[in-house]
Amino acid sequence: MTNPSATHTGLFYDSDAHYSREVGSFLRDGLERGHRTLVMAPPRQVDLARAALGRLGERLDGACTAGRG
């Protein structure tokens, strides 16, 4: 069964700053709206995404530690 409201987004980026800005903005928007988000990336990019989220990233750290992220 598919969810017609689900989307899949990819990103091409040329620097860490570009990645952080775009991914941080995308994730922040989704989290603030109460949406589920998913990042599938190498550990370095996951760390950049967490840092870009600031305080929202702290919530992700707790979810990952609890095995929910």
C-alpha atoms as a PDB file:
ATOM      1  CA  MET A   1       0.000   0.000   0.000  1.00  0.00           C
ATOM      2  CA  THR A   2       1.327   3.448  -0.832  1.00  0.00           C
ATOM      3  CA  ASN A   3       0.761   6.756   0.878  1.00  0.00           C
ATOM      4  CA  PRO A   4      -0.247   9.340  -1.740  1.00  0.00           C
ATOM      5  CA  SER A   5       0.966  12.186   0.494  1.00  0.00           C
ATOM      6  CA  ALA A   6       4.484  10.765   0.914  1.00  0.00           C
ATOM      7  CA  THR A   7       7.288  12.320  -1.090  1.00  0.00           C
ATOM      8  CA  HIS A   8      10.865  11.447  -1.916  1.00  0.00           C
ATOM      9  CA  THR A   9      13.388  14.220  -2.231  1.00  0.00           C
ATOM     10  CA  GLY A  10      17.018  14.040  -3.315  1.00  0.00           C
ATOM     11  CA  LEU A  11      19.713  16.697  -3.065  1.00  0.00           C
ATOM     12  CA  PHE A  12      22.793  17.397  -5.135  1.00  0.00           C
ATOM     13  CA  TYR A  13      25.209  19.628  -3.226  1.00  0.00           C
ATOM     14  CA  ASP A  14      28.644  21.101  -3.803  1.00  0.00           C
ATOM     15  CA  SER A  15      29.871  21.842  -0.276  1.00  0.00           C
ATOM     16  CA  ASP A  16      29.231  21.059   3.382  1.00  0.00           C
ATOM     17  CA  ALA A  17      27.729  24.520   3.812  1.00  0.00           C
ATOM     18  CA  HIS A  18      25.312  23.937   0.930  1.00  0.00           C
ATOM     19  CA  TYR A  19      24.333  20.511   2.313  1.00  0.00           C
ATOM     20  CA  SER A  20      23.808  21.876   5.837  1.00  0.00           C
ATOM     21  CA  ARG A  21      21.723  24.813   4.648  1.00  0.00           C
ATOM     22  CA  GLU A  22      19.432  22.798   2.367  1.00  0.00           C
ATOM     23  CA  VAL A  23      19.019  19.690   4.518  1.00  0.00           C
ATOM     24  CA  GLY A  24      18.657  21.721   7.709  1.00  0.00           C
ATOM     25  CA  SER A  25      15.920  23.847   6.169  1.00  0.00           C
ATOM     26  CA  PHE A  26      14.081  20.830   4.729  1.00  0.00           C
ATOM     27  CA  LEU A  27      14.179  18.841   7.973  1.00  0.00           C
ATOM     28  CA  ARG A  28      13.347  21.815  10.198  1.00  0.00           C
ATOM     29  CA  ASP A  29      10.288  22.609   8.102  1.00  0.00           C
ATOM     30  CA  GLY A  30       9.050  19.014   8.300  1.00  0.00           C
ATOM     31  CA  LEU A  31       9.708  18.611  12.026  1.00  0.00           C
ATOM     32  CA  GLU A  32       8.052  21.923  12.897  1.00  0.00           C
ATOM     33  CA  ARG A  33       4.959  20.761  10.979  1.00  0.00           C
ATOM     34  CA  GLY A  34       4.926  17.477  12.894  1.00  0.00           C
ATOM     35  CA  HIS A  35       5.968  15.397   9.876  1.00  0.00           C
ATOM     36  CA  ARG A  36       8.228  12.383   9.983  1.00  0.00           C
ATOM     37  CA  THR A  37      11.612  12.869   8.407  1.00  0.00           C
ATOM     38  CA  LEU A  38      14.366  10.533   7.319  1.00  0.00           C
ATOM     39  CA  VAL A  39      17.988  11.126   6.408  1.00  0.00           C
ATOM     40  CA  MET A  40      19.905   8.329   4.739  1.00  0.00           C
ATOM     41  CA  ALA A  41      23.458   9.539   4.485  1.00  0.00           C
ATOM     42  CA  PRO A  42      26.995   8.762   5.591  1.00  0.00           C
ATOM     43  CA  PRO A  43      27.698   9.575   9.265  1.00  0.00           C
ATOM     44  CA  ARG A  44      29.476  12.840   8.429  1.00  0.00           C
ATOM     45  CA  GLN A  45      26.433  14.213   6.597  1.00  0.00           C
ATOM     46  CA  VAL A  46      24.111  13.039   9.395  1.00  0.00           C
ATOM     47  CA  ASP A  47      26.283  15.007  11.837  1.00  0.00           C
ATOM     48  CA  LEU A  48      26.042  18.070   9.574  1.00  0.00           C
ATOM     49  CA  ALA A  49      22.250  17.725   9.470  1.00  0.00           C
ATOM     50  CA  ARG A  50      22.037  17.477  13.270  1.00  0.00           C
ATOM     51  CA  ALA A  51      24.251  20.536  13.677  1.00  0.00           C
ATOM     52  CA  ALA A  52      22.155  22.496  11.164  1.00  0.00           C
ATOM     53  CA  LEU A  53      19.021  21.758  13.173  1.00  0.00           C
ATOM     54  CA  GLY A  54      20.431  23.228  16.373  1.00  0.00           C
ATOM     55  CA  ARG A  55      18.067  22.513  19.276  1.00  0.00           C
ATOM     56  CA  LEU A  56      15.774  20.417  17.065  1.00  0.00           C
ATOM     57  CA  GLY A  57      18.796  18.203  16.404  1.00  0.00           C
ATOM     58  CA  GLU A  58      18.959  17.400  20.114  1.00  0.00           C
ATOM     59  CA  ARG A  59      15.572  15.693  19.777  1.00  0.00           C
ATOM     60  CA  LEU A  60      16.978  13.566  16.965  1.00  0.00           C
ATOM     61  CA  ASP A  61      19.928  12.541  19.122  1.00  0.00           C
ATOM     62  CA  GLY A  62      17.492  11.238  21.739  1.00  0.00           C
ATOM     63  CA  ALA A  63      15.476   9.336  19.129  1.00  0.00           C
ATOM     64  CA  CYS A  64      18.601   7.742  17.663  1.00  0.00           C
ATOM     65  CA  THR A  65      19.882   6.760  21.107  1.00  0.00           C
ATOM     66  CA  ALA A  66      16.525   5.161  21.863  1.00  0.00           C
ATOM     67  CA  GLY A  67      16.700   3.211  18.591  1.00  0.00           C
ATOM     68  CA  ARG A  68      13.877   5.159  16.945  1.00  0.00           C
ATOM     69  CA  GLY A  69      16.009   7.141  14.506  1.00  0.00           C
END
